[in-house]
Amino acid sequence: MTTVAAPAPVQETSVEDALLRSIRIPPRPSLLVDLQRELGTDDPSPRRIARIIGNDVGMSGALLKLANSPFFGAARKAKSVEQAINFLGLNQCAALLTGLLARQAIEGQQAELNQFWEVSARRAQALVFLARKLRVAPPDIAHTFGLFCDIGVPLLMARFPDYRQTFELACKSATRKITAIEDEHHTTNHAAIGCLLARNWGLSPDVSWAILHHHDYEVLEDDSTDDAIRSLVAASVLAEHGIQRYHGNRASLEWDKGGEPACRHLGLSPDETADLLDELHESFHFDH
């Protein structure tokens, strides 16, 4: 797995420092710390990992439900966490669990956030599909990136009463970056906050930096940025367009902004892109 070197530290103003301190970044859950410690050993044990996850009954049940969902298309149903690990692999189970822990950690009214989590799950599924088809990233990395891509949104909603209006306004801009409009209104943006959370949670550097750049489409043609990060960003543009199509929106402003450089980076012709989006659309229907 390739990673990117951390950029030179930026000297932040005291206003930005104070702002970042005022945004509640959920601490890394102890369950995730234990899981990452075991995964970081020379010979991670599925049995020990199953035991770590099994200490939280709610997480165990939620993980099993996800592992047995139609998306993974398992011929056999896992009856235990250890079976799920054996069927899906350590890294994929860790990615699923990390997403579940993120949902648990984000505060706010669940009714308000249900649609957010549904879109995040759909994006994660789309990125796994694209990662497998295009071989641009390990599926667990693609899955985690998809889930955490917009994780800064609910955190900023909790911090700023008018952030929802800002985000809706930013999403309607046909030419400007979503993050630039957020910066104007709140001196920060959901990509920066999402990157910060991902780093605090010990996620892959590729995931952290792809989150930071997922609206910076000029990065797709910047050779100084690691190819693994650019590929994740490019795949996220296709995933977003596929989700828009699934919901009946043929037009997509983000596709208009980033679709061409994304396809160029991935080496996709217009016909190949159309076929891939059709397959992705079919996979969404299969999931149900």
C-alpha atoms as a PDB file:
ATOM      1  CA  MET A   1       0.000   0.000   0.000  1.00  0.00           C
ATOM      2  CA  THR A   2       1.460   3.334  -1.024  1.00  0.00           C
ATOM      3  CA  THR A   3       1.089   6.329   1.231  1.00  0.00           C
ATOM      4  CA  VAL A   4       1.688  10.023   0.833  1.00  0.00           C
ATOM      5  CA  ALA A   5       4.093  12.049   2.879  1.00  0.00           C
ATOM      6  CA  ALA A   6       2.455  14.539   5.207  1.00  0.00           C
ATOM      7  CA  PRO A   7       2.573  18.054   3.803  1.00  0.00           C
ATOM      8  CA  ALA A   8       4.606  20.714   5.544  1.00  0.00           C
ATOM      9  CA  PRO A   9       2.731  21.991   8.595  1.00  0.00           C
ATOM     10  CA  VAL A  10       0.611  25.041   7.897  1.00  0.00           C
ATOM     11  CA  GLN A  11       0.836  27.894  10.389  1.00  0.00           C
ATOM     12  CA  GLU A  12      -2.751  28.282  11.530  1.00  0.00           C
ATOM     13  CA  THR A  13      -4.182  31.515  12.855  1.00  0.00           C
ATOM     14  CA  SER A  14      -5.404  31.644  16.425  1.00  0.00           C
ATOM     15  CA  VAL A  15      -8.972  31.979  15.096  1.00  0.00           C
ATOM     16  CA  GLU A  16      -8.665  28.696  13.163  1.00  0.00           C
ATOM     17  CA  ASP A  17      -7.020  27.027  16.161  1.00  0.00           C
ATOM     18  CA  ALA A  18      -9.848  28.080  18.438  1.00  0.00           C
ATOM     19  CA  LEU A  19     -12.406  26.963  15.865  1.00  0.00           C
ATOM     20  CA  LEU A  20     -10.893  23.485  15.550  1.00  0.00           C
ATOM     21  CA  ARG A  21     -10.848  23.135  19.328  1.00  0.00           C
ATOM     22  CA  SER A  22     -14.550  24.059  19.411  1.00  0.00           C
ATOM     23  CA  ILE A  23     -15.543  21.255  17.009  1.00  0.00           C
ATOM     24  CA  ARG A  24     -16.030  18.006  18.843  1.00  0.00           C
ATOM     25  CA  ILE A  25     -14.031  15.275  17.107  1.00  0.00           C
ATOM     26  CA  PRO A  26     -15.155  11.987  18.687  1.00  0.00           C
ATOM     27  CA  PRO A  27     -12.202  10.175  20.305  1.00  0.00           C
ATOM     28  CA  ARG A  28     -11.074   6.875  18.812  1.00  0.00           C
ATOM     29  CA  PRO A  29     -13.269   4.144  20.374  1.00  0.00           C
ATOM     30  CA  SER A  30     -11.400   1.727  22.648  1.00  0.00           C
ATOM     31  CA  LEU A  31     -12.814  -1.184  20.632  1.00  0.00           C
ATOM     32  CA  LEU A  32     -11.143   0.244  17.518  1.00  0.00           C
ATOM     33  CA  VAL A  33      -7.854   0.747  19.398  1.00  0.00           C
ATOM     34  CA  ASP A  34      -7.884  -2.938  20.459  1.00  0.00           C
ATOM     35  CA  LEU A  35      -8.819  -4.070  16.942  1.00  0.00           C
ATOM     36  CA  GLN A  36      -6.081  -1.992  15.273  1.00  0.00           C
ATOM     37  CA  ARG A  37      -3.505  -3.227  17.777  1.00  0.00           C
ATOM     38  CA  GLU A  38      -4.293  -6.856  16.908  1.00  0.00           C
ATOM     39  CA  LEU A  39      -4.370  -6.128  13.163  1.00  0.00           C
ATOM     40  CA  GLY A  40      -0.959  -4.485  13.518  1.00  0.00           C
ATOM     41  CA  THR A  41       0.696  -7.643  14.857  1.00  0.00           C
ATOM     42  CA  ASP A  42       2.790  -9.915  12.632  1.00  0.00           C
ATOM     43  CA  ASP A  43       0.131 -12.632  12.713  1.00  0.00           C
ATOM     44  CA  PRO A  44      -3.357 -11.260  13.483  1.00  0.00           C
ATOM     45  CA  SER A  45      -5.658 -13.933  14.891  1.00  0.00           C
ATOM     46  CA  PRO A  46      -9.284 -14.131  13.674  1.00  0.00           C
ATOM     47  CA  ARG A  47     -10.146 -15.787  16.993  1.00  0.00           C
ATOM     48  CA  ARG A  48      -8.645 -12.944  19.057  1.00  0.00           C
ATOM     49  CA  ILE A  49     -10.325 -10.355  16.843  1.00  0.00           C
ATOM     50  CA  ALA A  50     -13.660 -12.163  17.206  1.00  0.00           C
ATOM     51  CA  ARG A  51     -13.158 -12.064  20.975  1.00  0.00           C
ATOM     52  CA  ILE A  52     -12.428  -8.304  20.888  1.00  0.00           C
ATOM     53  CA  ILE A  53     -15.576  -7.611  18.844  1.00  0.00           C
ATOM     54  CA  GLY A  54     -17.602 -10.069  20.934  1.00  0.00           C
ATOM     55  CA  ASN A  55     -17.063  -7.907  24.012  1.00  0.00           C
ATOM     56  CA  ASP A  56     -19.645  -5.514  22.539  1.00  0.00           C
ATOM     57  CA  VAL A  57     -22.870  -7.449  21.941  1.00  0.00           C
ATOM     58  CA  GLY A  58     -24.487  -4.617  19.969  1.00  0.00           C
ATOM     59  CA  MET A  59     -21.522  -4.296  17.613  1.00  0.00           C
ATOM     60  CA  SER A  60     -21.323  -8.074  17.160  1.00  0.00           C
ATOM     61  CA  GLY A  61     -24.965  -8.231  16.074  1.00  0.00           C
ATOM     62  CA  ALA A  62     -24.680  -5.238  13.765  1.00  0.00           C
ATOM     63  CA  LEU A  63     -21.517  -6.653  12.165  1.00  0.00           C
ATOM     64  CA  LEU A  64     -23.173 -10.011  11.545  1.00  0.00           C
ATOM     65  CA  LYS A  65     -26.194  -8.324   9.974  1.00  0.00           C
ATOM     66  CA  LEU A  66     -23.935  -6.359   7.611  1.00  0.00           C
ATOM     67  CA  ALA A  67     -21.746  -9.366   6.800  1.00  0.00           C
ATOM     68  CA  ASN A  68     -24.856 -11.355   5.844  1.00  0.00           C
ATOM     69  CA  SER A  69     -26.404  -8.573   3.743  1.00  0.00           C
ATOM     70  CA  PRO A  70     -27.086  -9.195   0.021  1.00  0.00           C
ATOM     71  CA  PHE A  71     -24.272  -6.806  -0.963  1.00  0.00           C
ATOM     72  CA  PHE A  72     -21.612  -9.321   0.056  1.00  0.00           C
ATOM     73  CA  GLY A  73     -23.462 -12.124  -1.698  1.00  0.00           C
ATOM     74  CA  ALA A  74     -22.108 -14.821   0.582  1.00  0.00           C
ATOM     75  CA  ALA A  75     -23.216 -18.335  -0.360  1.00  0.00           C
ATOM     76  CA  ARG A  76     -23.266 -19.184   3.346  1.00  0.00           C
ATOM     77  CA  LYS A  77     -24.601 -17.122   6.217  1.00  0.00           C
ATOM     78  CA  ALA A  78     -22.188 -16.425   9.050  1.00  0.00           C
ATOM     79  CA  LYS A  79     -23.553 -17.566  12.397  1.00  0.00           C
ATOM     80  CA  SER A  80     -20.804 -15.978  14.480  1.00  0.00           C
ATOM     81  CA  VAL A  81     -18.360 -13.063  14.300  1.00  0.00           C
ATOM     82  CA  GLU A  82     -15.496 -15.506  13.782  1.00  0.00           C
ATOM     83  CA  GLN A  83     -17.328 -17.065  10.818  1.00  0.00           C
ATOM     84  CA  ALA A  84     -17.948 -13.583   9.370  1.00  0.00           C
ATOM     85  CA  ILE A  85     -14.232 -12.861   9.665  1.00  0.00           C
ATOM     86  CA  ASN A  86     -13.382 -16.134   7.933  1.00  0.00           C
ATOM     87  CA  PHE A  87     -15.895 -15.493   5.125  1.00  0.00           C
ATOM     88  CA  LEU A  88     -15.098 -11.821   4.476  1.00  0.00           C
ATOM     89  CA  GLY A  89     -11.513 -11.518   5.684  1.00  0.00           C
ATOM     90  CA  LEU A  90      -9.977  -9.578   8.542  1.00  0.00           C
ATOM     91  CA  ASN A  91      -9.616  -6.248   6.741  1.00  0.00           C
ATOM     92  CA  GLN A  92     -13.158  -6.149   5.345  1.00  0.00           C
ATOM     93  CA  CYS A  93     -14.644  -6.973   8.759  1.00  0.00           C
ATOM     94  CA  ALA A  94     -12.469  -4.287  10.332  1.00  0.00           C
ATOM     95  CA  ALA A  95     -13.730  -1.778   7.742  1.00  0.00           C
ATOM     96  CA  LEU A  96     -17.359  -2.687   8.475  1.00  0.00           C
ATOM     97  CA  LEU A  97     -16.815  -2.396  12.209  1.00  0.00           C
ATOM     98  CA  THR A  98     -15.063   0.970  11.847  1.00  0.00           C
ATOM     99  CA  GLY A  99     -18.105   2.306   9.997  1.00  0.00           C
ATOM    100  CA  LEU A 100     -20.457   1.017  12.698  1.00  0.00           C
ATOM    101  CA  LEU A 101     -18.336   2.644  15.397  1.00  0.00           C
ATOM    102  CA  ALA A 102     -18.384   5.946  13.505  1.00  0.00           C
ATOM    103  CA  ARG A 103     -22.168   5.907  13.387  1.00  0.00           C
ATOM    104  CA  GLN A 104     -22.309   5.180  17.113  1.00  0.00           C
ATOM    105  CA  ALA A 105     -19.836   7.961  17.918  1.00  0.00           C
ATOM    106  CA  ILE A 106     -21.490  10.771  15.954  1.00  0.00           C
ATOM    107  CA  GLU A 107     -23.914  12.659  18.117  1.00  0.00           C
ATOM    108  CA  GLY A 108     -27.169  14.136  16.861  1.00  0.00           C
ATOM    109  CA  GLN A 109     -30.751  13.150  16.273  1.00  0.00           C
ATOM    110  CA  GLN A 110     -30.792   9.829  14.491  1.00  0.00           C
ATOM    111  CA  ALA A 111     -33.921  10.702  12.541  1.00  0.00           C
ATOM    112  CA  GLU A 112     -32.082  13.667  11.002  1.00  0.00           C
ATOM    113  CA  LEU A 113     -29.017  11.613  10.164  1.00  0.00           C
ATOM    114  CA  ASN A 114     -30.681   8.478   8.782  1.00  0.00           C
ATOM    115  CA  GLN A 115     -30.465   9.723   5.196  1.00  0.00           C
ATOM    116  CA  PHE A 116     -26.833  10.739   5.719  1.00  0.00           C
ATOM    117  CA  TRP A 117     -25.909   7.210   6.855  1.00  0.00           C
ATOM    118  CA  GLU A 118     -27.891   5.623   4.023  1.00  0.00           C
ATOM    119  CA  VAL A 119     -26.019   7.693   1.427  1.00  0.00           C
ATOM    120  CA  SER A 120     -22.688   6.956   3.153  1.00  0.00           C
ATOM    121  CA  ALA A 121     -23.393   3.213   3.066  1.00  0.00           C
ATOM    122  CA  ARG A 122     -24.417   3.437  -0.602  1.00  0.00           C
ATOM    123  CA  ARG A 123     -21.230   5.365  -1.422  1.00  0.00           C
ATOM    124  CA  ALA A 124     -19.112   2.773   0.400  1.00  0.00           C
ATOM    125  CA  GLN A 125     -20.765  -0.033  -1.582  1.00  0.00           C
ATOM    126  CA  ALA A 126     -20.237   1.842  -4.849  1.00  0.00           C
ATOM    127  CA  LEU A 127     -16.561   2.408  -4.077  1.00  0.00           C
ATOM    128  CA  VAL A 128     -16.033  -1.268  -3.205  1.00  0.00           C
ATOM    129  CA  PHE A 129     -17.651  -2.197  -6.538  1.00  0.00           C
ATOM    130  CA  LEU A 130     -15.443   0.259  -8.457  1.00  0.00           C
ATOM    131  CA  ALA A 131     -12.298  -0.720  -6.557  1.00  0.00           C
ATOM    132  CA  ARG A 132     -12.853  -4.354  -7.520  1.00  0.00           C
ATOM    133  CA  LYS A 133     -13.699  -3.605 -11.149  1.00  0.00           C
ATOM    134  CA  LEU A 134     -10.884  -1.112 -11.746  1.00  0.00           C
ATOM    135  CA  ARG A 135      -8.379  -2.563  -9.257  1.00  0.00           C
ATOM    136  CA  VAL A 136      -7.504   0.889  -7.952  1.00  0.00           C
ATOM    137  CA  ALA A 137      -7.602   0.150  -4.201  1.00  0.00           C
ATOM    138  CA  PRO A 138      -8.104  -2.711  -1.730  1.00  0.00           C
ATOM    139  CA  PRO A 139     -11.872  -3.103  -1.116  1.00  0.00           C
ATOM    140  CA  ASP A 140     -11.580  -2.412   2.626  1.00  0.00           C
ATOM    141  CA  ILE A 141      -9.751   0.878   1.971  1.00  0.00           C
ATOM    142  CA  ALA A 142     -12.379   1.880  -0.608  1.00  0.00           C
ATOM    143  CA  HIS A 143     -15.173   0.942   1.811  1.00  0.00           C
ATOM    144  CA  THR A 144     -13.731   2.981   4.684  1.00  0.00           C
ATOM    145  CA  PHE A 145     -13.111   5.980   2.434  1.00  0.00           C
ATOM    146  CA  GLY A 146     -16.715   5.820   1.196  1.00  0.00           C
ATOM    147  CA  LEU A 147     -18.128   5.723   4.709  1.00  0.00           C
ATOM    148  CA  PHE A 148     -15.909   8.509   6.067  1.00  0.00           C
ATOM    149  CA  CYS A 149     -15.900  10.765   2.972  1.00  0.00           C
ATOM    150  CA  ASP A 150     -18.522  13.168   4.368  1.00  0.00           C
ATOM    151  CA  ILE A 151     -18.154  12.352   8.081  1.00  0.00           C
ATOM    152  CA  GLY A 152     -17.328  16.025   8.703  1.00  0.00           C
ATOM    153  CA  VAL A 153     -20.864  17.050   7.693  1.00  0.00           C
ATOM    154  CA  PRO A 154     -22.703  15.929  10.871  1.00  0.00           C
ATOM    155  CA  LEU A 155     -19.828  17.224  13.016  1.00  0.00           C
ATOM    156  CA  LEU A 156     -20.171  20.691  11.471  1.00  0.00           C
ATOM    157  CA  MET A 157     -23.963  20.498  11.730  1.00  0.00           C
ATOM    158  CA  ALA A 158     -23.517  19.978  15.467  1.00  0.00           C
ATOM    159  CA  ARG A 159     -21.129  22.963  15.704  1.00  0.00           C
ATOM    160  CA  PHE A 160     -22.878  25.560  13.528  1.00  0.00           C
ATOM    161  CA  PRO A 161     -26.683  26.052  13.627  1.00  0.00           C
ATOM    162  CA  ASP A 162     -26.651  27.371  10.032  1.00  0.00           C
ATOM    163  CA  TYR A 163     -24.229  24.803   8.563  1.00  0.00           C
ATOM    164  CA  ARG A 164     -27.029  22.772   6.945  1.00  0.00           C
ATOM    165  CA  GLN A 165     -28.012  25.839   4.880  1.00  0.00           C
ATOM    166  CA  THR A 166     -24.357  26.446   3.955  1.00  0.00           C
ATOM    167  CA  PHE A 167     -23.904  22.853   2.792  1.00  0.00           C
ATOM    168  CA  GLU A 168     -27.110  22.919   0.732  1.00  0.00           C
ATOM    169  CA  LEU A 169     -25.995  26.191  -0.869  1.00  0.00           C
ATOM    170  CA  ALA A 170     -22.517  24.781  -1.595  1.00  0.00           C
ATOM    171  CA  CYS A 171     -23.958  21.649  -3.210  1.00  0.00           C
ATOM    172  CA  LYS A 172     -25.940  23.814  -5.647  1.00  0.00           C
ATOM    173  CA  SER A 173     -22.904  25.672  -6.995  1.00  0.00           C
ATOM    174  CA  ALA A 174     -22.238  24.765 -10.613  1.00  0.00           C
ATOM    175  CA  THR A 175     -18.683  26.105 -10.684  1.00  0.00           C
ATOM    176  CA  ARG A 176     -17.207  26.563  -7.211  1.00  0.00           C
ATOM    177  CA  LYS A 177     -15.830  23.925  -4.854  1.00  0.00           C
ATOM    178  CA  ILE A 178     -18.167  22.874  -2.068  1.00  0.00           C
ATOM    179  CA  THR A 179     -15.291  23.210   0.397  1.00  0.00           C
ATOM    180  CA  ALA A 180     -14.459  26.780  -0.727  1.00  0.00           C
ATOM    181  CA  ILE A 181     -18.001  27.929   0.045  1.00  0.00           C
ATOM    182  CA  GLU A 182     -17.889  26.192   3.435  1.00  0.00           C
ATOM    183  CA  ASP A 183     -14.558  27.905   4.186  1.00  0.00           C
ATOM    184  CA  GLU A 184     -16.082  31.300   3.414  1.00  0.00           C
ATOM    185  CA  HIS A 185     -18.950  30.779   5.834  1.00  0.00           C
ATOM    186  CA  HIS A 186     -17.314  28.791   8.643  1.00  0.00           C
ATOM    187  CA  THR A 187     -13.510  29.069   8.232  1.00  0.00           C
ATOM    188  CA  THR A 188     -13.336  25.289   7.781  1.00  0.00           C
ATOM    189  CA  ASN A 189     -14.980  22.567   5.709  1.00  0.00           C
ATOM    190  CA  HIS A 190     -16.256  19.010   6.003  1.00  0.00           C
ATOM    191  CA  ALA A 191     -13.288  17.521   4.101  1.00  0.00           C
ATOM    192  CA  ALA A 192     -10.747  19.033   6.514  1.00  0.00           C
ATOM    193  CA  ILE A 193     -12.742  17.920   9.566  1.00  0.00           C
ATOM    194  CA  GLY A 194     -13.225  14.429   8.101  1.00  0.00           C
ATOM    195  CA  CYS A 195      -9.477  14.134   7.466  1.00  0.00           C
ATOM    196  CA  LEU A 196      -8.789  15.181  11.055  1.00  0.00           C
ATOM    197  CA  LEU A 197     -11.149  12.524  12.434  1.00  0.00           C
ATOM    198  CA  ALA A 198      -9.678   9.837  10.159  1.00  0.00           C
ATOM    199  CA  ARG A 199      -6.157  10.664  11.342  1.00  0.00           C
ATOM    200  CA  ASN A 200      -7.241  10.724  15.004  1.00  0.00           C
ATOM    201  CA  TRP A 201      -8.854   7.319  14.532  1.00  0.00           C
ATOM    202  CA  GLY A 202      -5.711   5.805  13.046  1.00  0.00           C
ATOM    203  CA  LEU A 203      -7.201   5.119   9.622  1.00  0.00           C
ATOM    204  CA  SER A 204      -5.022   4.518   6.562  1.00  0.00           C
ATOM    205  CA  PRO A 205      -3.153   7.653   5.383  1.00  0.00           C
ATOM    206  CA  ASP A 206      -4.602   7.011   1.920  1.00  0.00           C
ATOM    207  CA  VAL A 207      -8.100   7.278   3.391  1.00  0.00           C
ATOM    208  CA  SER A 208      -7.280  10.430   5.388  1.00  0.00           C
ATOM    209  CA  TRP A 209      -5.751  12.312   2.450  1.00  0.00           C
ATOM    210  CA  ALA A 210      -8.404  11.160  -0.023  1.00  0.00           C
ATOM    211  CA  ILE A 211     -11.062  12.539   2.345  1.00  0.00           C
ATOM    212  CA  LEU A 212      -9.204  15.861   2.470  1.00  0.00           C
ATOM    213  CA  HIS A 213      -9.022  16.100  -1.342  1.00  0.00           C
ATOM    214  CA  HIS A 214     -12.298  14.505  -2.449  1.00  0.00           C
ATOM    215  CA  HIS A 215     -13.658  17.829  -3.789  1.00  0.00           C
ATOM    216  CA  ASP A 216     -10.281  19.055  -5.107  1.00  0.00           C
ATOM    217  CA  TYR A 217     -10.568  17.724  -8.635  1.00  0.00           C
ATOM    218  CA  GLU A 218      -7.409  19.507  -9.800  1.00  0.00           C
ATOM    219  CA  VAL A 219      -5.499  17.012  -7.631  1.00  0.00           C
ATOM    220  CA  LEU A 220      -6.433  14.327 -10.188  1.00  0.00           C
ATOM    221  CA  GLU A 221      -3.896  15.824 -12.587  1.00  0.00           C
ATOM    222  CA  ASP A 222      -1.245  16.628  -9.987  1.00  0.00           C
ATOM    223  CA  ASP A 223       1.586  14.128 -10.333  1.00  0.00           C
ATOM    224  CA  SER A 224       3.029  15.132  -6.966  1.00  0.00           C
ATOM    225  CA  THR A 225      -0.007  13.584  -5.226  1.00  0.00           C
ATOM    226  CA  ASP A 226       0.172   9.850  -4.585  1.00  0.00           C
ATOM    227  CA  ASP A 227      -1.607   7.821  -7.272  1.00  0.00           C
ATOM    228  CA  ALA A 228      -3.517   5.767  -4.681  1.00  0.00           C
ATOM    229  CA  ILE A 229      -5.108   8.934  -3.312  1.00  0.00           C
ATOM    230  CA  ARG A 230      -5.968  10.303  -6.754  1.00  0.00           C
ATOM    231  CA  SER A 231      -7.537   6.973  -7.703  1.00  0.00           C
ATOM    232  CA  LEU A 232      -9.779   7.022  -4.625  1.00  0.00           C
ATOM    233  CA  VAL A 233     -10.841  10.600  -5.374  1.00  0.00           C
ATOM    234  CA  ALA A 234     -11.529   9.715  -9.033  1.00  0.00           C
ATOM    235  CA  ALA A 235     -13.565   6.647  -8.034  1.00  0.00           C
ATOM    236  CA  SER A 236     -15.576   8.774  -5.588  1.00  0.00           C
ATOM    237  CA  VAL A 237     -16.645  11.047  -8.472  1.00  0.00           C
ATOM    238  CA  LEU A 238     -17.982   8.015 -10.358  1.00  0.00           C
ATOM    239  CA  ALA A 239     -19.631   6.668  -7.204  1.00  0.00           C
ATOM    240  CA  GLU A 240     -21.383   9.990  -6.568  1.00  0.00           C
ATOM    241  CA  HIS A 241     -22.651  10.120 -10.154  1.00  0.00           C
ATOM    242  CA  GLY A 242     -23.886   6.531  -9.861  1.00  0.00           C
ATOM    243  CA  ILE A 243     -25.786   7.353  -6.661  1.00  0.00           C
ATOM    244  CA  GLN A 244     -27.363  10.415  -8.296  1.00  0.00           C
ATOM    245  CA  ARG A 245     -28.486   8.273 -11.222  1.00  0.00           C
ATOM    246  CA  TYR A 246     -29.896   5.647  -8.856  1.00  0.00           C
ATOM    247  CA  HIS A 247     -32.055   8.366  -7.278  1.00  0.00           C
ATOM    248  CA  GLY A 248     -33.276   9.501 -10.698  1.00  0.00           C
ATOM    249  CA  ASN A 249     -31.018  12.551 -11.097  1.00  0.00           C
ATOM    250  CA  ARG A 250     -29.419  12.369 -14.519  1.00  0.00           C
ATOM    251  CA  ALA A 251     -27.677  15.708 -13.971  1.00  0.00           C
ATOM    252  CA  SER A 252     -24.915  15.953 -11.380  1.00  0.00           C
ATOM    253  CA  LEU A 253     -23.005  19.152 -10.652  1.00  0.00           C
ATOM    254  CA  GLU A 254     -20.065  17.312  -9.115  1.00  0.00           C
ATOM    255  CA  TRP A 255     -19.887  15.092 -12.193  1.00  0.00           C
ATOM    256  CA  ASP A 256     -19.839  18.210 -14.379  1.00  0.00           C
ATOM    257  CA  LYS A 257     -16.925  19.546 -12.312  1.00  0.00           C
ATOM    258  CA  GLY A 258     -14.882  16.378 -11.862  1.00  0.00           C
ATOM    259  CA  GLY A 259     -16.147  13.669 -14.209  1.00  0.00           C
ATOM    260  CA  GLU A 260     -13.785  14.358 -17.094  1.00  0.00           C
ATOM    261  CA  PRO A 261     -10.517  14.445 -15.067  1.00  0.00           C
ATOM    262  CA  ALA A 262     -11.705  11.438 -13.012  1.00  0.00           C
ATOM    263  CA  CYS A 263     -12.267   9.304 -16.108  1.00  0.00           C
ATOM    264  CA  ARG A 264      -8.993  10.500 -17.610  1.00  0.00           C
ATOM    265  CA  HIS A 265      -7.102   9.490 -14.472  1.00  0.00           C
ATOM    266  CA  LEU A 266      -8.781   6.072 -14.420  1.00  0.00           C
ATOM    267  CA  GLY A 267      -8.149   5.564 -18.156  1.00  0.00           C
ATOM    268  CA  LEU A 268     -11.850   5.222 -18.987  1.00  0.00           C
ATOM    269  CA  SER A 269     -13.309   6.117 -22.371  1.00  0.00           C
ATOM    270  CA  PRO A 270     -16.862   7.567 -22.539  1.00  0.00           C
ATOM    271  CA  ASP A 271     -18.244   4.154 -23.588  1.00  0.00           C
ATOM    272  CA  GLU A 272     -16.375   2.330 -20.809  1.00  0.00           C
ATOM    273  CA  THR A 273     -17.628   4.888 -18.297  1.00  0.00           C
ATOM    274  CA  ALA A 274     -21.230   4.449 -19.451  1.00  0.00           C
ATOM    275  CA  ASP A 275     -20.952   0.642 -19.206  1.00  0.00           C
ATOM    276  CA  LEU A 276     -19.392   0.858 -15.759  1.00  0.00           C
ATOM    277  CA  LEU A 277     -22.112   3.185 -14.479  1.00  0.00           C
ATOM    278  CA  ASP A 278     -24.765   0.821 -15.879  1.00  0.00           C
ATOM    279  CA  GLU A 279     -23.170  -2.097 -14.012  1.00  0.00           C
ATOM    280  CA  LEU A 280     -22.992  -0.043 -10.838  1.00  0.00           C
ATOM    281  CA  HIS A 281     -26.684   0.838 -11.220  1.00  0.00           C
ATOM    282  CA  GLU A 282     -27.546  -2.847 -11.558  1.00  0.00           C
ATOM    283  CA  SER A 283     -25.502  -3.695  -8.456  1.00  0.00           C
ATOM    284  CA  PHE A 284     -27.560  -1.209  -6.439  1.00  0.00           C
ATOM    285  CA  HIS A 285     -30.749  -3.001  -7.494  1.00  0.00           C
ATOM    286  CA  PHE A 286     -29.186  -6.381  -6.694  1.00  0.00           C
ATOM    287  CA  ASP A 287     -28.471  -5.169  -3.173  1.00  0.00           C
ATOM    288  CA  HIS A 288     -32.203  -5.011  -2.605  1.00  0.00           C
END
